[in-house]
Amino acid sequence: MITWLVTIVLAFVGYTVTYLNGLRLAQRQERLARVNRQLSELYGPLFALTEANGRIFGAFMERHARADGRSPFVHELPPTEEELAEWRLWVKTVFLPNIQRMRDLVIKHADLLGEAEMPPILLQLCAHVSGYEITVARWEQGRYDEHQSVVPFPSEEIAAYARSGFAGLKREQGRLLGRRRSSGRS
């Protein structure tokens, strides 16, 4: 009778351990799948776009800043017609398409955000893009009285958000894959 009872208890314990381990592994796989989607569909592309946009804006400023290194838009003297024409070209061909892609990522993949609510910085990004879209629409009508979005671009904040989100998810991905921290080697 005792042997029979011990066999049943051991079988039950074995089944419970196997069930709980399977459940833990399934949850880990689901978390890894979500992290992979967050990286590939939102934070990875957002990080790449913010980095590229920052670098191309830096290249623009190297070529088109005033002699004192400042932008014509933050200078005592207003921008010249030539400076404004060059700015419109860069906005229409480079900056606006980049920030539109950023906005579209946020809107299309909002379900992949790490936060429970939409971060204000992402809402500001969306508003900035809309502000530039109306500005560019005015340019297409030949109206050049405005040259910037009515909402400022949160360049440093959005870059920090994307960088932090990407790095955190890469660490989480590595942990879920069972990678241990190495001394700088992959």
Protein backbone atom coordinates (compact mmCIF):
# COMPACT_ATOMS: atom_id res chain seq x y z
CA MET A 1 0.00 0.00 0.00
CA ILE A 2 2.83 2.45 0.89
CA THR A 3 4.71 1.54 -2.30
CA TRP A 4 1.59 2.19 -4.30
CA LEU A 5 1.03 5.57 -2.57
CA VAL A 6 4.68 6.61 -3.09
CA THR A 7 4.42 5.68 -6.78
CA ILE A 8 1.28 7.81 -7.21
CA VAL A 9 2.81 10.78 -5.37
CA LEU A 10 6.02 10.57 -7.41
CA ALA A 11 4.03 10.30 -10.64
CA PHE A 12 1.94 13.32 -9.66
CA VAL A 13 5.04 15.34 -8.69
CA GLY A 14 6.74 14.35 -11.95
CA TYR A 15 3.69 15.35 -13.97
CA THR A 16 3.42 18.68 -12.11
CA VAL A 17 7.10 19.48 -12.62
CA THR A 18 6.87 18.58 -16.32
CA TYR A 19 3.71 20.67 -16.74
CA LEU A 20 5.17 23.72 -14.97
CA ASN A 21 8.43 23.46 -16.91
CA GLY A 22 6.50 23.23 -20.20
CA LEU A 23 4.41 26.24 -19.18
CA ARG A 24 7.55 28.23 -18.31
CA LEU A 25 9.17 27.32 -21.63
CA ALA A 26 6.02 28.27 -23.57
CA GLN A 27 5.84 31.64 -21.80
CA ARG A 28 9.52 32.23 -22.51
CA GLN A 29 9.00 31.42 -26.21
CA GLU A 30 6.02 33.79 -26.36
CA ARG A 31 8.06 36.55 -24.72
CA LEU A 32 10.95 35.93 -27.12
CA ALA A 33 8.58 36.08 -30.10
CA ARG A 34 7.19 39.42 -28.87
CA VAL A 35 10.68 40.84 -28.24
CA ASN A 36 11.74 39.75 -31.72
CA ARG A 37 8.69 41.49 -33.23
CA GLN A 38 9.34 44.63 -31.18
CA LEU A 39 12.92 44.71 -32.45
CA SER A 40 12.21 43.92 -36.09
CA GLU A 41 9.00 45.88 -36.60
CA LEU A 42 9.27 48.92 -34.30
CA TYR A 43 12.34 49.65 -32.19
CA GLY A 44 14.96 48.44 -34.69
CA PRO A 45 13.62 50.47 -37.63
CA LEU A 46 12.87 53.46 -35.38
CA PHE A 47 16.41 53.37 -34.00
CA ALA A 48 17.91 53.12 -37.49
CA LEU A 49 15.78 55.99 -38.80
CA THR A 50 16.54 58.29 -35.85
CA GLU A 51 20.26 57.60 -36.17
CA ALA A 52 20.23 58.13 -39.93
CA ASN A 53 18.14 61.28 -39.61
CA GLY A 54 20.48 62.69 -36.98
CA ARG A 55 23.51 62.00 -39.12
CA ILE A 56 22.03 63.44 -42.29
CA PHE A 57 20.88 66.53 -40.38
CA GLY A 58 24.44 66.85 -39.06
CA ALA A 59 25.74 66.64 -42.63
CA PHE A 60 23.22 69.29 -43.69
CA MET A 61 24.37 71.58 -40.88
CA GLU A 62 28.04 71.09 -41.78
CA ARG A 63 27.31 72.28 -45.31
CA HIS A 64 24.66 74.91 -44.67
CA ALA A 65 25.26 76.43 -41.25
CA ARG A 66 26.17 80.06 -41.04
CA ALA A 67 29.79 81.10 -40.48
CA ASP A 68 29.25 80.99 -36.70
CA GLY A 69 28.03 77.36 -36.99
CA ARG A 70 24.39 78.12 -36.24
CA SER A 71 21.32 77.33 -38.26
CA PRO A 72 19.83 80.18 -40.30
CA PHE A 73 16.61 79.57 -38.34
CA VAL A 74 18.18 80.44 -34.97
CA HIS A 75 20.26 83.36 -36.18
CA GLU A 76 19.70 87.10 -35.70
CA LEU A 77 19.61 87.56 -39.46
CA PRO A 78 16.71 85.80 -41.18
CA PRO A 79 17.47 83.05 -43.71
CA THR A 80 18.21 84.16 -47.25
CA GLU A 81 16.08 83.02 -50.18
CA GLU A 82 18.90 80.68 -51.21
CA GLU A 83 19.08 79.17 -47.71
CA LEU A 84 15.31 78.73 -47.64
CA ALA A 85 15.28 77.07 -51.07
CA GLU A 86 18.01 74.64 -49.96
CA TRP A 87 16.09 73.92 -46.74
CA ARG A 88 12.91 73.16 -48.69
CA LEU A 89 14.82 70.75 -50.92
CA TRP A 90 16.28 68.86 -47.94
CA VAL A 91 12.96 68.79 -46.08
CA LYS A 92 11.01 67.46 -49.06
CA THR A 93 13.55 64.87 -50.18
CA VAL A 94 15.20 63.70 -46.94
CA PHE A 95 13.87 64.95 -43.61
CA LEU A 96 10.12 64.69 -44.19
CA PRO A 97 10.25 61.17 -45.70
CA ASN A 98 12.40 60.02 -42.74
CA ILE A 99 10.12 61.43 -40.07
CA GLN A 100 7.03 60.19 -41.91
CA ARG A 101 8.48 56.66 -41.77
CA MET A 102 9.12 57.13 -38.05
CA ARG A 103 5.53 58.26 -37.50
CA ASP A 104 4.16 55.43 -39.62
CA LEU A 105 6.12 52.88 -37.57
CA VAL A 106 4.69 54.27 -34.35
CA ILE A 107 1.13 54.26 -35.68
CA LYS A 108 1.28 50.88 -37.41
CA HIS A 109 3.08 49.09 -34.57
CA ALA A 110 1.70 50.84 -31.48
CA ASP A 111 0.78 47.41 -30.11
CA LEU A 112 4.50 46.66 -29.82
CA LEU A 113 5.28 49.61 -27.55
CA GLY A 114 6.81 48.66 -24.22
CA GLU A 115 4.68 51.19 -22.36
CA ALA A 116 1.03 50.81 -21.36
CA GLU A 117 0.25 54.26 -22.81
CA MET A 118 1.57 56.13 -25.84
CA PRO A 119 4.69 58.01 -24.71
CA PRO A 120 4.32 61.81 -25.06
CA ILE A 121 7.55 61.95 -27.08
CA LEU A 122 5.97 59.75 -29.76
CA LEU A 123 2.85 61.92 -29.80
CA GLN A 124 5.09 64.96 -30.30
CA LEU A 125 6.81 63.16 -33.19
CA CYS A 126 3.43 62.50 -34.83
CA ALA A 127 2.36 66.12 -34.35
CA HIS A 128 5.67 67.39 -35.74
CA VAL A 129 5.23 65.33 -38.89
CA SER A 130 1.69 66.63 -39.40
CA GLY A 131 2.95 70.16 -38.92
CA TYR A 132 5.57 69.66 -41.63
CA GLU A 133 3.09 68.06 -43.98
CA ILE A 134 0.96 71.22 -43.94
CA THR A 135 4.06 73.37 -44.35
CA VAL A 136 5.15 71.37 -47.41
CA ALA A 137 1.61 71.51 -48.82
CA ARG A 138 1.82 75.31 -48.60
CA TRP A 139 5.16 75.22 -50.44
CA GLU A 140 3.51 73.25 -53.21
CA GLN A 141 1.00 76.09 -53.50
CA GLY A 142 3.86 78.58 -53.82
CA ARG A 143 3.40 79.91 -50.27
CA TYR A 144 6.77 80.23 -48.57
CA ASP A 145 5.83 82.21 -45.45
CA GLU A 146 6.47 79.20 -43.16
CA HIS A 147 9.52 76.93 -43.26
CA GLN A 148 9.21 74.78 -40.18
CA SER A 149 6.65 72.61 -38.45
CA VAL A 150 4.43 74.28 -35.89
CA VAL A 151 5.54 71.56 -33.44
CA PRO A 152 9.29 71.26 -32.76
CA PHE A 153 11.06 68.02 -33.61
CA PRO A 154 12.18 66.21 -30.45
CA SER A 155 15.39 64.99 -32.10
CA GLU A 156 17.48 64.23 -29.01
CA GLU A 157 14.55 62.83 -27.04
CA ILE A 158 13.27 60.57 -29.82
CA ALA A 159 16.80 59.34 -30.54
CA ALA A 160 17.33 58.56 -26.84
CA TYR A 161 13.95 56.80 -26.67
CA ALA A 162 14.70 54.64 -29.73
CA ARG A 163 18.26 53.88 -28.58
CA SER A 164 17.15 52.93 -25.08
CA GLY A 165 14.23 50.80 -26.30
CA PHE A 166 16.41 49.00 -28.84
CA ALA A 167 19.25 48.35 -26.36
CA GLY A 168 16.87 47.14 -23.65
CA LEU A 169 15.13 44.75 -26.01
CA LYS A 170 18.46 43.42 -27.32
CA ARG A 171 19.49 42.67 -23.72
CA GLU A 172 16.13 40.99 -23.08
CA GLN A 173 16.48 38.98 -26.31
CA GLY A 174 19.93 37.80 -25.25
CA ARG A 175 18.65 36.82 -21.82
CA LEU A 176 15.75 34.89 -23.32
CA LEU A 177 18.09 33.12 -25.70
CA GLY A 178 20.26 32.15 -22.75
CA ARG A 179 23.26 34.24 -23.75
CA ARG A 180 25.56 35.19 -20.97
CA ARG A 181 27.31 38.51 -20.81
CA SER A 182 30.62 38.33 -22.54
CA SER A 183 33.62 40.54 -22.34
CA GLY A 184 32.71 42.40 -25.52
CA ARG A 185 32.77 39.39 -27.86
CA SER A 186 29.72 38.15 -29.73
